[in-house]
Amino acid sequence: MAVTVTDPATGEQHQALVQPGQLGWLTTLVMGEMATCRNGHADGNGQCGHCAGTGRAHHG
């Protein structure tokens, strides 16, 4: 499947072909980045969205 990403600075669009498993991984990565950003604010819990504050690559 094709995924289109827009550069927020330039508006330029880029396409990448990904397999379904890669799309799942990419979704997890983006959701982790969003959680890290939220948690890094003054009212957040300060935890990394990727490791849930454990300092390890996988918290499961």
PDB file of N, CA and C in Angstrom:
ATOM      1  N   MET A   1       0.841  -1.167   0.000  1.00  0.00           N
ATOM      2  CA  MET A   1       0.000   0.000   0.000  1.00  0.00           C
ATOM      3  C   MET A   1       0.885   1.228   0.000  1.00  0.00           C
ATOM      4  N   ALA A   2       0.373   2.317  -0.504  1.00  0.00           N
ATOM      5  CA  ALA A   2       1.118   3.571  -0.565  1.00  0.00           C
ATOM      6  C   ALA A   2       0.686   4.477   0.580  1.00  0.00           C
ATOM      7  N   VAL A   3       1.668   5.105   1.211  1.00  0.00           N
ATOM      8  CA  VAL A   3       1.417   6.056   2.282  1.00  0.00           C
ATOM      9  C   VAL A   3       1.966   7.402   1.815  1.00  0.00           C
ATOM     10  N   THR A   4       1.164   8.445   1.938  1.00  0.00           N
ATOM     11  CA  THR A   4       1.595   9.785   1.567  1.00  0.00           C
ATOM     12  C   THR A   4       1.819  10.596   2.828  1.00  0.00           C
ATOM     13  N   VAL A   5       2.986  11.224   2.910  1.00  0.00           N
ATOM     14  CA  VAL A   5       3.347  12.046   4.062  1.00  0.00           C
ATOM     15  C   VAL A   5       3.601  13.463   3.560  1.00  0.00           C
ATOM     16  N   THR A   6       3.058  14.447   4.261  1.00  0.00           N
ATOM     17  CA  THR A   6       3.254  15.842   3.887  1.00  0.00           C
ATOM     18  C   THR A   6       4.221  16.494   4.868  1.00  0.00           C
ATOM     19  N   ASP A   7       5.269  17.118   4.339  1.00  0.00           N
ATOM     20  CA  ASP A   7       6.226  17.848   5.155  1.00  0.00           C
ATOM     21  C   ASP A   7       5.543  19.114   5.663  1.00  0.00           C
ATOM     22  N   PRO A   8       5.384  19.268   6.980  1.00  0.00           N
ATOM     23  CA  PRO A   8       4.658  20.438   7.482  1.00  0.00           C
ATOM     24  C   PRO A   8       5.381  21.755   7.209  1.00  0.00           C
ATOM     25  N   ALA A   9       6.689  21.715   7.038  1.00  0.00           N
ATOM     26  CA  ALA A   9       7.452  22.943   6.801  1.00  0.00           C
ATOM     27  C   ALA A   9       7.314  23.439   5.373  1.00  0.00           C
ATOM     28  N   THR A  10       7.236  22.512   4.425  1.00  0.00           N
ATOM     29  CA  THR A  10       7.239  22.914   3.013  1.00  0.00           C
ATOM     30  C   THR A  10       5.940  22.596   2.283  1.00  0.00           C
ATOM     31  N   GLY A  11       5.137  21.699   2.841  1.00  0.00           N
ATOM     32  CA  GLY A  11       3.927  21.260   2.156  1.00  0.00           C
ATOM     33  C   GLY A  11       4.204  20.207   1.101  1.00  0.00           C
ATOM     34  N   GLU A  12       5.484  19.866   0.912  1.00  0.00           N
ATOM     35  CA  GLU A  12       5.863  18.866  -0.085  1.00  0.00           C
ATOM     36  C   GLU A  12       5.381  17.486   0.361  1.00  0.00           C
ATOM     37  N   GLN A  13       4.833  16.727  -0.592  1.00  0.00           N
ATOM     38  CA  GLN A  13       4.331  15.398  -0.287  1.00  0.00           C
ATOM     39  C   GLN A  13       5.306  14.331  -0.772  1.00  0.00           C
ATOM     40  N   HIS A  14       5.435  13.285   0.023  1.00  0.00           N
ATOM     41  CA  HIS A  14       6.309  12.167  -0.303  1.00  0.00           C
ATOM     42  C   HIS A  14       5.490  10.890  -0.175  1.00  0.00           C
ATOM     43  N   GLN A  15       5.705   9.952  -1.107  1.00  0.00           N
ATOM     44  CA  GLN A  15       5.014   8.668  -1.053  1.00  0.00           C
ATOM     45  C   GLN A  15       6.000   7.559  -0.739  1.00  0.00           C
ATOM     46  N   ALA A  16       5.532   6.610   0.048  1.00  0.00           N
ATOM     47  CA  ALA A  16       6.335   5.437   0.371  1.00  0.00           C
ATOM     48  C   ALA A  16       5.451   4.205   0.244  1.00  0.00           C
ATOM     49  N   LEU A  17       5.994   3.143  -0.325  1.00  0.00           N
ATOM     50  CA  LEU A  17       5.275   1.883  -0.412  1.00  0.00           C
ATOM     51  C   LEU A  17       5.623   1.061   0.823  1.00  0.00           C
ATOM     52  N   VAL A  18       4.616   0.595   1.532  1.00  0.00           N
ATOM     53  CA  VAL A  18       4.834  -0.172   2.753  1.00  0.00           C
ATOM     54  C   VAL A  18       3.989  -1.439   2.739  1.00  0.00           C
ATOM     55  N   GLN A  19       4.480  -2.433   3.433  1.00  0.00           N
ATOM     56  CA  GLN A  19       3.746  -3.682   3.620  1.00  0.00           C
ATOM     57  C   GLN A  19       2.837  -3.516   4.846  1.00  0.00           C
ATOM     58  N   PRO A  20       1.773  -4.314   4.966  1.00  0.00           N
ATOM     59  CA  PRO A  20       0.865  -4.171   6.106  1.00  0.00           C
ATOM     60  C   PRO A  20       1.579  -4.236   7.466  1.00  0.00           C
ATOM     61  N   GLY A  21       2.537  -5.119   7.644  1.00  0.00           N
ATOM     62  CA  GLY A  21       3.262  -5.200   8.912  1.00  0.00           C
ATOM     63  C   GLY A  21       4.058  -3.943   9.191  1.00  0.00           C
ATOM     64  N   GLN A  22       4.618  -3.361   8.136  1.00  0.00           N
ATOM     65  CA  GLN A  22       5.368  -2.115   8.293  1.00  0.00           C
ATOM     66  C   GLN A  22       4.437  -0.967   8.676  1.00  0.00           C
ATOM     67  N   LEU A  23       3.231  -0.985   8.146  1.00  0.00           N
ATOM     68  CA  LEU A  23       2.268   0.062   8.466  1.00  0.00           C
ATOM     69  C   LEU A  23       1.898  -0.006   9.942  1.00  0.00           C
ATOM     70  N   GLY A  24       1.734  -1.216  10.466  1.00  0.00           N
ATOM     71  CA  GLY A  24       1.451  -1.380  11.895  1.00  0.00           C
ATOM     72  C   GLY A  24       2.588  -0.837  12.742  1.00  0.00           C
ATOM     73  N   TRP A  25       3.836  -1.143  12.356  1.00  0.00           N
ATOM     74  CA  TRP A  25       4.999  -0.655  13.081  1.00  0.00           C
ATOM     75  C   TRP A  25       5.060   0.865  13.022  1.00  0.00           C
ATOM     76  N   LEU A  26       4.824   1.433  11.844  1.00  0.00           N
ATOM     77  CA  LEU A  26       4.866   2.876  11.668  1.00  0.00           C
ATOM     78  C   LEU A  26       3.791   3.565  12.518  1.00  0.00           C
ATOM     79  N   THR A  27       2.614   2.990  12.561  1.00  0.00           N
ATOM     80  CA  THR A  27       1.531   3.536  13.380  1.00  0.00           C
ATOM     81  C   THR A  27       1.927   3.539  14.850  1.00  0.00           C
ATOM     82  N   THR A  28       2.519   2.440  15.324  1.00  0.00           N
ATOM     83  CA  THR A  28       2.971   2.350  16.712  1.00  0.00           C
ATOM     84  C   THR A  28       4.026   3.403  17.007  1.00  0.00           C
ATOM     85  N   LEU A  29       4.948   3.597  16.077  1.00  0.00           N
ATOM     86  CA  LEU A  29       6.001   4.595  16.242  1.00  0.00           C
ATOM     87  C   LEU A  29       5.416   6.004  16.371  1.00  0.00           C
ATOM     88  N   VAL A  30       4.497   6.354  15.484  1.00  0.00           N
ATOM     89  CA  VAL A  30       3.897   7.692  15.507  1.00  0.00           C
ATOM     90  C   VAL A  30       3.086   7.894  16.784  1.00  0.00           C
ATOM     91  N   MET A  31       2.335   6.891  17.190  1.00  0.00           N
ATOM     92  CA  MET A  31       1.543   7.004  18.415  1.00  0.00           C
ATOM     93  C   MET A  31       2.459   7.181  19.628  1.00  0.00           C
ATOM     94  N   GLY A  32       3.608   6.489  19.644  1.00  0.00           N
ATOM     95  CA  GLY A  32       4.577   6.645  20.725  1.00  0.00           C
ATOM     96  C   GLY A  32       5.153   8.047  20.765  1.00  0.00           C
ATOM     97  N   GLU A  33       5.454   8.610  19.590  1.00  0.00           N
ATOM     98  CA  GLU A  33       5.966   9.981  19.523  1.00  0.00           C
ATOM     99  C   GLU A  33       4.930  10.974  20.033  1.00  0.00           C
ATOM    100  N   MET A  34       3.670  10.753  19.669  1.00  0.00           N
ATOM    101  CA  MET A  34       2.609  11.640  20.141  1.00  0.00           C
ATOM    102  C   MET A  34       2.475  11.557  21.659  1.00  0.00           C
ATOM    103  N   ALA A  35       2.560  10.349  22.225  1.00  0.00           N
ATOM    104  CA  ALA A  35       2.468  10.168  23.678  1.00  0.00           C
ATOM    105  C   ALA A  35       3.648  10.837  24.370  1.00  0.00           C
ATOM    106  N   THR A  36       4.847  10.688  23.812  1.00  0.00           N
ATOM    107  CA  THR A  36       6.032  11.317  24.398  1.00  0.00           C
ATOM    108  C   THR A  36       5.868  12.834  24.421  1.00  0.00           C
ATOM    109  N   CYS A  37       5.363  13.391  23.345  1.00  0.00           N
ATOM    110  CA  CYS A  37       5.145  14.834  23.270  1.00  0.00           C
ATOM    111  C   CYS A  37       4.137  15.275  24.326  1.00  0.00           C
ATOM    112  N   ARG A  38       3.010  14.580  24.424  1.00  0.00           N
ATOM    113  CA  ARG A  38       1.990  14.908  25.431  1.00  0.00           C
ATOM    114  C   ARG A  38       2.565  14.797  26.834  1.00  0.00           C
ATOM    115  N   ASN A  39       3.267  13.701  27.109  1.00  0.00           N
ATOM    116  CA  ASN A  39       3.786  13.443  28.448  1.00  0.00           C
ATOM    117  C   ASN A  39       4.908  14.403  28.829  1.00  0.00           C
ATOM    118  N   GLY A  40       5.550  15.005  27.847  1.00  0.00           N
ATOM    119  CA  GLY A  40       6.642  15.924  28.112  1.00  0.00           C
ATOM    120  C   GLY A  40       6.186  17.315  28.523  1.00  0.00           C
ATOM    121  N   HIS A  41       4.915  17.605  28.380  1.00  0.00           N
ATOM    122  CA  HIS A  41       4.405  18.918  28.783  1.00  0.00           C
ATOM    123  C   HIS A  41       4.274  18.989  30.299  1.00  0.00           C
ATOM    124  N   ALA A  42       4.131  20.194  30.810  1.00  0.00           N
ATOM    125  CA  ALA A  42       4.078  20.427  32.261  1.00  0.00           C
ATOM    126  C   ALA A  42       3.004  19.588  32.950  1.00  0.00           C
ATOM    127  N   ASP A  43       1.888  19.350  32.292  1.00  0.00           N
ATOM    128  CA  ASP A  43       0.818  18.573  32.924  1.00  0.00           C
ATOM    129  C   ASP A  43       0.880  17.090  32.567  1.00  0.00           C
ATOM    130  N   GLY A  44       1.958  16.671  31.874  1.00  0.00           N
ATOM    131  CA  GLY A  44       2.122  15.262  31.502  1.00  0.00           C
ATOM    132  C   GLY A  44       2.779  14.478  32.625  1.00  0.00           C
ATOM    133  N   ASN A  45       2.925  13.169  32.386  1.00  0.00           N
ATOM    134  CA  ASN A  45       3.514  12.311  33.413  1.00  0.00           C
ATOM    135  C   ASN A  45       5.015  12.126  33.242  1.00  0.00           C
ATOM    136  N   GLY A  46       5.606  12.734  32.213  1.00  0.00           N
ATOM    137  CA  GLY A  46       7.044  12.692  31.997  1.00  0.00           C
ATOM    138  C   GLY A  46       7.565  11.392  31.431  1.00  0.00           C
ATOM    139  N   GLN A  47       6.689  10.446  31.117  1.00  0.00           N
ATOM    140  CA  GLN A  47       7.129   9.151  30.620  1.00  0.00           C
ATOM    141  C   GLN A  47       7.310   9.155  29.110  1.00  0.00           C
ATOM    142  N   CYS A  48       8.314   8.407  28.673  1.00  0.00           N
ATOM    143  CA  CYS A  48       8.523   8.190  27.251  1.00  0.00           C
ATOM    144  C   CYS A  48       7.358   7.361  26.713  1.00  0.00           C
ATOM    145  N   GLY A  49       6.818   7.747  25.564  1.00  0.00           N
ATOM    146  CA  GLY A  49       5.718   7.009  24.967  1.00  0.00           C
ATOM    147  C   GLY A  49       6.136   5.681  24.368  1.00  0.00           C
ATOM    148  N   HIS A  50       7.447   5.490  24.161  1.00  0.00           N
ATOM    149  CA  HIS A  50       7.937   4.262  23.555  1.00  0.00           C
ATOM    150  C   HIS A  50       8.205   3.184  24.600  1.00  0.00           C
ATOM    151  N   CYS A  51       8.796   3.582  25.728  1.00  0.00           N
ATOM    152  CA  CYS A  51       9.191   2.586  26.734  1.00  0.00           C
ATOM    153  C   CYS A  51       8.355   2.695  27.993  1.00  0.00           C
ATOM    154  N   ALA A  52       7.390   3.611  28.026  1.00  0.00           N
ATOM    155  CA  ALA A  52       6.527   3.825  29.181  1.00  0.00           C
ATOM    156  C   ALA A  52       7.320   4.143  30.443  1.00  0.00           C
ATOM    157  N   GLY A  53       8.446   4.827  30.266  1.00  0.00           N
ATOM    158  CA  GLY A  53       9.231   5.259  31.402  1.00  0.00           C
ATOM    159  C   GLY A  53      10.197   4.229  31.960  1.00  0.00           C
ATOM    160  N   THR A  54      10.307   3.062  31.334  1.00  0.00           N
ATOM    161  CA  THR A  54      11.158   2.011  31.865  1.00  0.00           C
ATOM    162  C   THR A  54      12.613   2.185  31.445  1.00  0.00           C
ATOM    163  N   GLY A  55      12.856   2.938  30.378  1.00  0.00           N
ATOM    164  CA  GLY A  55      14.203   3.079  29.849  1.00  0.00           C
ATOM    165  C   GLY A  55      14.602   1.906  28.976  1.00  0.00           C
ATOM    166  N   ARG A  56      13.686   0.975  28.765  1.00  0.00           N
ATOM    167  CA  ARG A  56      13.945  -0.176  27.900  1.00  0.00           C
ATOM    168  C   ARG A  56      13.218  -0.005  26.576  1.00  0.00           C
ATOM    169  N   ALA A  57      13.711  -0.677  25.560  1.00  0.00           N
ATOM    170  CA  ALA A  57      13.133  -0.557  24.232  1.00  0.00           C
ATOM    171  C   ALA A  57      11.727  -1.163  24.150  1.00  0.00           C
ATOM    172  N   HIS A  58      11.421  -2.143  24.981  1.00  0.00           N
ATOM    173  CA  HIS A  58      10.109  -2.789  24.960  1.00  0.00           C
ATOM    174  C   HIS A  58       9.619  -2.921  26.391  1.00  0.00           C
ATOM    175  N   HIS A  59       8.430  -2.394  26.654  1.00  0.00           N
ATOM    176  CA  HIS A  59       7.928  -2.403  28.029  1.00  0.00           C
ATOM    177  C   HIS A  59       6.983  -3.548  28.323  1.00  0.00           C
ATOM    178  N   GLY A  60       6.786  -4.455  27.363  1.00  0.00           N
ATOM    179  CA  GLY A  60       5.804  -5.530  27.543  1.00  0.00           C
ATOM    180  C   GLY A  60       6.263  -6.723  28.269  1.00  0.00           C
TER     181      GLY A  60
END
